[in-house]
């Protein structure tokens, strides 16, 4: 499978969330060879969308930056994986700038899709699947990930899968290995299953997305270092 990973963390490969993503990708690789390219979005020159809509009317984007090459890679991929930490209940600014600049993939025409209207795609994305892996530093998932998940599913309504892992700073703490190593093994299992079945079963996903230690214990550990 041709996989394009967009790492939205400004920390690049030191991202807490990328620990989960790398384990997931390793699991996919165990199921069979994968063609994976990881892009650290912070290192790409992606200008802000100005909303001129020239691209959606068939013209070229006003910006001559790295986004054109990324769009070409998206259309050639089979899996688009967005990996990012939760920032203010959404994605980090560099990744949001990327998302805004995906407008050229659509035209101005709209069609009704279920209960809403959306722009008609100008690119053939029929074979593309979408995966979001997001970590956060809060003790639990409730009332934290919902805005980011909603945006991801609205932007990529077809064939999407979402992984949300609270307490993710522990993945970068060697002293937390007793709980993080088993959780990364769950991520590997999820990757293997996704590669072979195209999905992650609900039970495995719920286990992967659950807190690693009791929420109160995690909050106390964080607060002890404040």
Protein backbone atom coordinates (compact mmCIF):
# COMPACT_ATOMS: atom_id res chain seq x y z
CA UNK A 1 0.00 0.00 0.00
CA UNK A 2 1.23 3.50 -0.83
CA UNK A 3 0.97 5.48 2.41
CA UNK A 4 1.46 9.21 2.86
CA UNK A 5 1.91 10.26 6.50
CA UNK A 6 1.59 13.92 7.37
CA UNK A 7 3.18 14.48 10.77
CA UNK A 8 1.58 17.66 12.06
CA UNK A 9 3.69 17.95 15.20
CA UNK A 10 6.25 20.79 15.33
CA UNK A 11 8.41 18.33 17.33
CA UNK A 12 8.90 16.23 14.17
CA UNK A 13 10.03 12.67 15.05
CA UNK A 14 10.11 13.55 18.77
CA UNK A 15 6.34 13.92 18.71
CA UNK A 16 4.55 11.98 21.45
CA UNK A 17 1.87 11.02 18.93
CA UNK A 18 4.42 9.70 16.44
CA UNK A 19 5.31 6.92 18.89
CA UNK A 20 1.79 5.59 18.31
CA UNK A 21 1.95 6.22 14.58
CA UNK A 22 5.28 4.46 14.15
CA UNK A 23 3.97 1.43 16.06
CA UNK A 24 0.85 1.39 13.89
CA UNK A 25 2.94 1.57 10.71
CA UNK A 26 5.22 -1.19 12.01
CA UNK A 27 2.15 -3.37 12.45
CA UNK A 28 1.08 -2.64 8.89
CA UNK A 29 4.56 -3.57 7.69
CA UNK A 30 4.32 -6.88 9.55
CA UNK A 31 1.20 -7.68 7.54
CA UNK A 32 3.01 -6.98 4.27
CA UNK A 33 5.43 -4.55 2.61
CA UNK A 34 4.21 -0.97 2.57
CA UNK A 35 5.43 2.04 0.58
CA UNK A 36 5.45 4.72 3.28
CA UNK A 37 6.52 8.36 3.05
CA UNK A 38 6.47 10.53 6.18
CA UNK A 39 6.36 14.31 5.78
CA UNK A 40 7.08 16.63 8.71
CA UNK A 41 4.68 19.40 7.78
CA UNK A 42 6.58 21.99 9.86
CA UNK A 43 9.51 21.65 7.42
CA UNK A 44 7.43 22.37 4.31
CA UNK A 45 6.71 25.82 2.93
CA UNK A 46 2.92 25.96 2.93
CA UNK A 47 1.50 29.44 2.65
CA UNK A 48 -1.88 30.34 4.09
CA UNK A 49 -4.90 29.99 1.82
CA UNK A 50 -6.28 33.43 0.88
CA UNK A 51 -9.70 32.17 -0.19
CA UNK A 52 -9.43 33.48 -3.74
CA UNK A 53 -10.86 30.16 -5.09
CA UNK A 54 -8.81 30.42 -8.30
CA UNK A 55 -7.77 26.80 -7.85
CA UNK A 56 -11.37 25.62 -7.47
CA UNK A 57 -12.28 27.37 -10.72
CA UNK A 58 -9.64 25.43 -12.64
CA UNK A 59 -6.75 27.85 -12.30
CA UNK A 60 -3.44 27.55 -10.48
CA UNK A 61 -2.91 28.45 -6.85
CA UNK A 62 -1.53 31.93 -6.28
CA UNK A 63 1.18 30.45 -4.06
CA UNK A 64 4.25 28.77 -5.54
CA UNK A 65 5.32 26.63 -2.59
CA UNK A 66 5.57 22.97 -1.54
CA UNK A 67 1.84 22.31 -1.53
CA UNK A 68 1.59 21.41 -5.20
CA UNK A 69 3.96 18.46 -4.81
CA UNK A 70 2.11 17.27 -1.70
CA UNK A 71 -1.21 17.34 -3.55
CA UNK A 72 0.30 15.24 -6.34
CA UNK A 73 1.50 12.73 -3.77
CA UNK A 74 -1.94 12.60 -2.14
CA UNK A 75 -3.63 11.73 -5.41
CA UNK A 76 -1.07 8.97 -6.00
CA UNK A 77 -1.51 7.44 -2.52
CA UNK A 78 -3.84 4.78 -1.17
CA UNK A 79 -3.78 5.89 2.48
CA UNK A 80 -3.53 9.42 3.82
CA UNK A 81 -2.55 9.33 7.50
CA UNK A 82 -2.71 12.52 9.56
CA UNK A 83 -0.69 12.18 12.77
CA UNK A 84 -0.84 15.10 15.17
CA UNK A 85 -1.06 16.17 18.81
CA UNK A 86 -4.17 17.95 19.99
CA UNK A 87 -3.69 21.74 20.03
CA UNK A 88 -6.57 23.78 21.50
CA UNK A 89 -8.93 20.88 20.69
CA UNK A 90 -7.85 20.84 17.05
CA UNK A 91 -4.76 20.31 14.92
CA UNK A 92 -1.50 22.32 15.04
CA UNK A 93 -1.39 25.40 12.78
CA UNK A 94 1.03 23.97 10.15
CA UNK A 95 -1.27 21.00 9.55
CA UNK A 96 -4.33 23.23 9.45
CA UNK A 97 -2.60 25.36 6.81
CA UNK A 98 -2.09 22.17 4.79
CA UNK A 99 -5.74 21.21 5.18
CA UNK A 100 -6.89 24.64 4.00
CA UNK A 101 -4.71 24.28 0.92
CA UNK A 102 -6.37 21.04 -0.22
CA UNK A 103 -9.00 23.18 -1.98
CA UNK A 104 -7.54 22.42 -5.44
CA UNK A 105 -8.76 18.84 -5.05
CA UNK A 106 -12.34 20.13 -5.31
CA UNK A 107 -14.29 22.37 -7.64
CA UNK A 108 -16.82 25.10 -6.88
CA UNK A 109 -19.78 22.86 -7.82
CA UNK A 110 -21.65 21.32 -4.90
CA UNK A 111 -23.74 18.19 -4.52
CA UNK A 112 -25.93 16.85 -1.75
CA UNK A 113 -24.36 14.01 0.20
CA UNK A 114 -26.69 12.63 2.83
CA UNK A 115 -27.91 15.53 4.91
CA UNK A 116 -25.37 18.11 3.74
CA UNK A 117 -23.81 19.64 0.65
CA UNK A 118 -20.16 19.33 -0.23
CA UNK A 119 -17.90 20.36 -3.09
CA UNK A 120 -17.50 17.89 -5.94
CA UNK A 121 -14.01 16.39 -6.16
CA UNK A 122 -11.88 17.32 -9.19
CA UNK A 123 -9.40 14.52 -8.49
CA UNK A 124 -9.91 10.76 -8.58
CA UNK A 125 -9.60 9.85 -4.90
CA UNK A 126 -11.71 6.71 -5.15
CA UNK A 127 -8.93 4.41 -3.91
CA UNK A 128 -7.81 6.71 -1.09
CA UNK A 129 -8.49 5.84 2.55
CA UNK A 130 -8.07 8.23 5.46
CA UNK A 131 -6.66 7.67 8.94
CA UNK A 132 -6.26 10.08 11.84
CA UNK A 133 -3.99 9.33 14.81
CA UNK A 134 -4.16 12.00 17.49
CA UNK A 135 -2.69 12.09 20.97
CA UNK A 136 -3.32 14.54 23.77
CA UNK A 137 -1.89 15.33 27.18
CA UNK A 138 -5.21 15.27 29.01
CA UNK A 139 -6.07 12.39 31.35
CA UNK A 140 -9.01 11.17 29.25
CA UNK A 141 -10.73 11.44 25.90
CA UNK A 142 -14.09 12.90 26.87
CA UNK A 143 -14.71 16.50 25.72
CA UNK A 144 -11.22 16.77 24.24
CA UNK A 145 -10.92 15.07 20.84
CA UNK A 146 -14.47 15.72 19.58
CA UNK A 147 -13.78 18.93 17.57
CA UNK A 148 -10.73 17.44 15.80
CA UNK A 149 -12.58 14.20 15.04
CA UNK A 150 -15.60 16.08 13.67
CA UNK A 151 -13.42 18.20 11.37
CA UNK A 152 -11.51 15.15 10.10
CA UNK A 153 -14.69 13.22 9.32
CA UNK A 154 -16.31 16.18 7.59
CA UNK A 155 -13.22 16.80 5.46
CA UNK A 156 -12.73 13.10 4.70
CA UNK A 157 -16.17 11.48 4.91
CA UNK A 158 -15.30 8.35 2.92
CA UNK A 159 -13.51 5.34 4.42
CA UNK A 160 -12.09 7.11 7.48
CA UNK A 161 -10.66 5.64 10.69
CA UNK A 162 -9.86 7.59 13.85
CA UNK A 163 -7.44 6.72 16.66
CA UNK A 164 -7.38 9.08 19.67
CA UNK A 165 -5.03 8.36 22.57
CA UNK A 166 -5.03 10.40 25.80
CA UNK A 167 -2.02 10.64 28.15
CA UNK A 168 0.30 10.53 25.11
CA UNK A 169 3.23 12.44 26.75
CA UNK A 170 3.94 9.21 28.62
CA UNK A 171 5.18 7.65 25.35
CA UNK A 172 8.20 9.96 25.56
CA UNK A 173 8.88 9.10 29.22
CA UNK A 174 11.13 6.00 29.64
CA UNK A 175 9.93 5.57 33.23
CA UNK A 176 6.41 4.92 31.93
CA UNK A 177 7.46 1.89 29.85
CA UNK A 178 5.40 -0.50 32.00
CA UNK A 179 2.23 0.98 30.53
CA UNK A 180 3.41 2.49 27.25
CA UNK A 181 5.06 -0.65 25.82
CA UNK A 182 1.84 -2.69 26.03
CA UNK A 183 -0.09 0.22 24.52
CA UNK A 184 2.32 0.46 21.59
CA UNK A 185 1.84 -3.28 21.06
CA UNK A 186 -1.90 -2.57 20.78
CA UNK A 187 -1.06 0.02 18.13
CA UNK A 188 0.97 -2.60 16.25
CA UNK A 189 -1.95 -5.03 16.44
CA UNK A 190 -4.25 -2.31 15.14
CA UNK A 191 -1.87 -1.64 12.26
CA UNK A 192 -1.70 -5.32 11.34
CA UNK A 193 -5.47 -5.59 11.40
CA UNK A 194 -5.94 -2.40 9.38
CA UNK A 195 -3.49 -3.63 6.73
CA UNK A 196 -5.20 -7.01 6.38
CA UNK A 197 -8.87 -6.12 6.93
CA UNK A 198 -9.07 -2.40 6.14
CA UNK A 199 -10.51 -1.66 9.56
CA UNK A 200 -9.86 -1.82 13.31
CA UNK A 201 -12.46 -3.72 15.29
CA UNK A 202 -14.36 -1.75 17.92
CA UNK A 203 -12.99 -3.65 20.91
CA UNK A 204 -9.36 -3.14 19.90
CA UNK A 205 -9.98 0.50 19.06
CA UNK A 206 -11.66 1.14 22.41
CA UNK A 207 -8.72 -0.45 24.24
CA UNK A 208 -6.19 1.54 22.23
CA UNK A 209 -8.06 4.80 22.87
CA UNK A 210 -8.50 4.30 26.62
CA UNK A 211 -6.36 5.93 29.35
CA UNK A 212 -3.23 3.96 30.22
CA UNK A 213 -3.47 4.72 33.94
CA UNK A 214 -6.37 6.06 36.02
CA UNK A 215 -7.20 9.63 35.07
CA UNK A 216 -6.81 10.92 38.63
CA UNK A 217 -3.37 9.31 38.93
CA UNK A 218 -2.23 10.82 35.65
CA UNK A 219 -3.49 14.29 36.62
CA UNK A 220 -1.70 14.05 39.96
CA UNK A 221 1.58 13.12 38.24
CA UNK A 222 1.28 16.04 35.82
CA UNK A 223 0.34 18.48 38.58
CA UNK A 224 3.24 17.38 40.76
CA UNK A 225 5.63 18.76 38.15
CA UNK A 226 3.87 22.10 37.69
